[in-house]
C-alpha atoms as a PDB file:
ATOM      1  CA  MET A   1       0.000   0.000   0.000  1.00  0.00           C
ATOM      2  CA  SER A   2       1.229   3.468  -0.774  1.00  0.00           C
ATOM      3  CA  ASP A   3       0.898   6.548   1.375  1.00  0.00           C
ATOM      4  CA  ASP A   4      -1.109   8.347  -1.326  1.00  0.00           C
ATOM      5  CA  VAL A   5      -4.585   9.735  -0.788  1.00  0.00           C
ATOM      6  CA  VAL A   6      -7.202   7.064  -1.530  1.00  0.00           C
ATOM      7  CA  ASP A   7      -9.910   8.326  -3.890  1.00  0.00           C
ATOM      8  CA  LEU A   8     -12.865   6.040  -3.135  1.00  0.00           C
ATOM      9  CA  ASN A   9     -14.805   6.978  -6.275  1.00  0.00           C
ATOM     10  CA  ALA A  10     -11.778   6.249  -8.470  1.00  0.00           C
ATOM     11  CA  LYS A  11     -11.283   2.917  -6.704  1.00  0.00           C
ATOM     12  CA  PHE A  12     -14.930   1.951  -7.293  1.00  0.00           C
ATOM     13  CA  GLU A  13     -14.440   2.645 -11.010  1.00  0.00           C
ATOM     14  CA  GLN A  14     -11.800  -0.108 -11.107  1.00  0.00           C
ATOM     15  CA  PHE A  15     -14.248  -2.954 -10.494  1.00  0.00           C
ATOM     16  CA  SER A  16     -17.872  -3.851 -11.176  1.00  0.00           C
ATOM     17  CA  GLU A  17     -18.453  -7.268  -9.593  1.00  0.00           C
ATOM     18  CA  HIS A  18     -20.723  -7.612  -6.579  1.00  0.00           C
ATOM     19  CA  TRP A  19     -19.831  -9.254  -3.249  1.00  0.00           C
ATOM     20  CA  SER A  20     -16.098  -9.096  -4.024  1.00  0.00           C
ATOM     21  CA  PRO A  21     -14.404  -6.773  -1.498  1.00  0.00           C
ATOM     22  CA  LYS A  22     -11.332  -4.862  -2.679  1.00  0.00           C
ATOM     23  CA  LEU A  23      -8.563  -3.827  -0.300  1.00  0.00           C
ATOM     24  CA  VAL A  24      -7.828  -0.090  -0.515  1.00  0.00           C
ATOM     25  CA  ALA A  25      -5.956   0.657   2.732  1.00  0.00           C
ATOM     26  CA  ARG A  26      -4.556  -0.847   5.907  1.00  0.00           C
ATOM     27  CA  LEU A  27      -4.815   0.568   9.412  1.00  0.00           C
ATOM     28  CA  ASN A  28      -2.675  -1.289  11.947  1.00  0.00           C
ATOM     29  CA  ASN A  29      -3.980  -4.884  11.657  1.00  0.00           C
ATOM     30  CA  TYR A  30      -7.255  -3.761  10.027  1.00  0.00           C
ATOM     31  CA  GLU A  31      -8.182  -3.688   6.365  1.00  0.00           C
ATOM     32  CA  VAL A  32     -10.302  -1.034   4.689  1.00  0.00           C
ATOM     33  CA  LYS A  33     -12.260  -2.620   1.855  1.00  0.00           C
ATOM     34  CA  LEU A  34     -14.700  -1.369  -0.752  1.00  0.00           C
ATOM     35  CA  VAL A  35     -17.524  -3.561  -1.957  1.00  0.00           C
ATOM     36  CA  ARG A  36     -20.375  -3.334  -4.426  1.00  0.00           C
ATOM     37  CA  ILE A  37     -23.468  -5.034  -3.038  1.00  0.00           C
ATOM     38  CA  GLU A  38     -26.608  -6.110  -4.866  1.00  0.00           C
ATOM     39  CA  GLY A  39     -29.075  -8.884  -4.082  1.00  0.00           C
ATOM     40  CA  GLU A  40     -28.920 -11.070  -0.998  1.00  0.00           C
ATOM     41  CA  PHE A  41     -25.743 -12.480   0.534  1.00  0.00           C
ATOM     42  CA  VAL A  42     -25.576 -15.580   2.765  1.00  0.00           C
ATOM     43  CA  TRP A  43     -26.442 -15.860   6.435  1.00  0.00           C
ATOM     44  CA  HIS A  44     -23.160 -15.988   8.344  1.00  0.00           C
ATOM     45  CA  SER A  45     -21.318 -14.804  11.423  1.00  0.00           C
ATOM     46  CA  HIS A  46     -17.778 -13.907  12.399  1.00  0.00           C
ATOM     47  CA  GLN A  47     -16.995 -15.537  15.732  1.00  0.00           C
ATOM     48  CA  ASP A  48     -13.809 -13.588  16.406  1.00  0.00           C
ATOM     49  CA  THR A  49     -14.560 -10.055  15.251  1.00  0.00           C
ATOM     50  CA  ASP A  50     -17.065  -7.262  14.825  1.00  0.00           C
ATOM     51  CA  GLU A  51     -17.714  -6.059  11.259  1.00  0.00           C
ATOM     52  CA  LEU A  52     -18.283  -2.431  10.252  1.00  0.00           C
ATOM     53  CA  PHE A  53     -20.464  -1.525   7.256  1.00  0.00           C
ATOM     54  CA  LEU A  54     -20.429   2.118   6.068  1.00  0.00           C
ATOM     55  CA  VAL A  55     -22.818   2.863   3.196  1.00  0.00           C
ATOM     56  CA  LEU A  56     -21.471   5.373   0.691  1.00  0.00           C
ATOM     57  CA  GLU A  57     -24.228   5.064  -1.935  1.00  0.00           C
ATOM     58  CA  GLY A  58     -27.561   3.234  -2.038  1.00  0.00           C
ATOM     59  CA  GLU A  59     -29.592   1.533   0.671  1.00  0.00           C
ATOM     60  CA  LEU A  60     -28.362  -1.562   2.506  1.00  0.00           C
ATOM     61  CA  THR A  61     -30.393  -3.812   4.766  1.00  0.00           C
ATOM     62  CA  ILE A  62     -28.483  -5.938   7.235  1.00  0.00           C
ATOM     63  CA  GLN A  63     -30.835  -8.720   8.209  1.00  0.00           C
ATOM     64  CA  LEU A  64     -30.417 -10.001  11.747  1.00  0.00           C
ATOM     65  CA  ARG A  65     -32.379 -12.904  13.194  1.00  0.00           C
ATOM     66  CA  ASP A  66     -34.456 -10.569  15.382  1.00  0.00           C
ATOM     67  CA  ARG A  67     -34.682  -7.431  13.193  1.00  0.00           C
ATOM     68  CA  ASP A  68     -33.480  -5.618  10.102  1.00  0.00           C
ATOM     69  CA  VAL A  69     -31.072  -2.671  10.157  1.00  0.00           C
ATOM     70  CA  THR A  70     -31.445  -0.356   7.146  1.00  0.00           C
ATOM     71  CA  LEU A  71     -28.631   2.022   6.221  1.00  0.00           C
ATOM     72  CA  GLY A  72     -28.488   4.889   3.747  1.00  0.00           C
ATOM     73  CA  PRO A  73     -25.555   6.990   2.513  1.00  0.00           C
ATOM     74  CA  GLY A  74     -23.381   8.243   5.333  1.00  0.00           C
ATOM     75  CA  GLN A  75     -24.689   5.698   7.838  1.00  0.00           C
ATOM     76  CA  LEU A  76     -22.781   2.840   9.418  1.00  0.00           C
ATOM     77  CA  TYR A  77     -23.563  -0.181  11.532  1.00  0.00           C
ATOM     78  CA  VAL A  78     -21.282  -2.513  13.437  1.00  0.00           C
ATOM     79  CA  VAL A  79     -22.371  -6.153  13.472  1.00  0.00           C
ATOM     80  CA  PRO A  80     -21.148  -7.528  16.812  1.00  0.00           C
ATOM     81  CA  ARG A  81     -18.916 -10.589  16.782  1.00  0.00           C
ATOM     82  CA  GLY A  82     -20.813 -13.849  16.689  1.00  0.00           C
ATOM     83  CA  VAL A  83     -24.087 -12.273  15.496  1.00  0.00           C
ATOM     84  CA  GLU A  84     -25.585 -14.023  12.482  1.00  0.00           C
ATOM     85  CA  HIS A  85     -26.421 -11.577   9.701  1.00  0.00           C
ATOM     86  CA  CYS A  86     -27.262 -11.423   6.007  1.00  0.00           C
ATOM     87  CA  PRO A  87     -26.693  -8.230   3.997  1.00  0.00           C
ATOM     88  CA  ARG A  88     -29.258  -7.449   1.274  1.00  0.00           C
ATOM     89  CA  ALA A  89     -29.682  -4.664  -1.276  1.00  0.00           C
ATOM     90  CA  ASP A  90     -32.484  -4.290  -3.804  1.00  0.00           C
ATOM     91  CA  GLY A  91     -30.352  -1.906  -5.913  1.00  0.00           C
ATOM     92  CA  GLU A  92     -26.601  -1.496  -6.072  1.00  0.00           C
ATOM     93  CA  VAL A  93     -24.886  -0.265  -2.912  1.00  0.00           C
ATOM     94  CA  ARG A  94     -21.351   1.016  -2.571  1.00  0.00           C
ATOM     95  CA  ALA A  95     -20.014   0.323   0.905  1.00  0.00           C
ATOM     96  CA  LEU A  96     -16.826   0.479   2.912  1.00  0.00           C
ATOM     97  CA  LEU A  97     -15.943  -2.370   5.273  1.00  0.00           C
ATOM     98  CA  LEU A  98     -13.523  -2.191   8.172  1.00  0.00           C
ATOM     99  CA  GLU A  99     -12.379  -5.467   9.662  1.00  0.00           C
ATOM    100  CA  PRO A 100      -9.235  -7.242  10.869  1.00  0.00           C
ATOM    101  CA  ALA A 101      -6.882  -8.521   8.203  1.00  0.00           C
ATOM    102  CA  GLY A 102      -7.750 -11.978   6.937  1.00  0.00           C
ATOM    103  CA  VAL A 103     -11.475 -11.936   7.730  1.00  0.00           C
ATOM    104  CA  VAL A 104     -13.376 -14.099   5.232  1.00  0.00           C
ATOM    105  CA  ASN A 105     -16.430 -12.329   3.799  1.00  0.00           C
ATOM    106  CA  THR A 106     -18.709 -15.352   4.255  1.00  0.00           C
ATOM    107  CA  GLY A 107     -17.535 -15.954   7.828  1.00  0.00           C
ATOM    108  CA  ASP A 108     -18.516 -19.402   9.072  1.00  0.00           C
ATOM    109  CA  ALA A 109     -20.808 -20.128   6.093  1.00  0.00           C
ATOM    110  CA  GLY A 110     -18.296 -20.529   3.263  1.00  0.00           C
ATOM    111  CA  GLY A 111     -19.726 -21.292  -0.161  1.00  0.00           C
ATOM    112  CA  ASP A 112     -19.765 -19.823  -3.651  1.00  0.00           C
ATOM    113  CA  LEU A 113     -19.742 -16.185  -2.504  1.00  0.00           C
ATOM    114  CA  THR A 114     -16.466 -16.539  -0.580  1.00  0.00           C
ATOM    115  CA  ALA A 115     -14.169 -13.944  -2.109  1.00  0.00           C
ATOM    116  CA  VAL A 116     -10.417 -13.749  -2.450  1.00  0.00           C
ATOM    117  CA  VAL A 117      -9.689 -10.153  -1.465  1.00  0.00           C
ATOM    118  CA  THR A 118      -7.485  -8.332  -3.939  1.00  0.00           C
ATOM    119  CA  GLU A 119      -5.764  -4.996  -3.542  1.00  0.00           C
ATOM    120  CA  ILE A 120      -6.635  -2.198  -5.947  1.00  0.00           C
END
């Protein structure tokens, strides 16, 4: 990673696939990732870490077993460690994720939507 300013809009222009987080910065042992979200993900949890979702564009619903959390641009939500959740978006969402290095996007669920995070 360089020490240059990160232009989030320019980074989003470098990819179009959904559910495939891209690494754009590191902060201590945390990774800052950008992701395009559309449709429904898989129900999963992360037993060892919280997960921060910050919506930059669009509307994201984070389904929890007992309620839904809906986020618009400029809003964030932290899913506590161990809490099962399933992100969903009816239209495309651009979001920023903050999580410890090495966190797998599908958590304990695995499956076809498990992404290999690449740096852009």
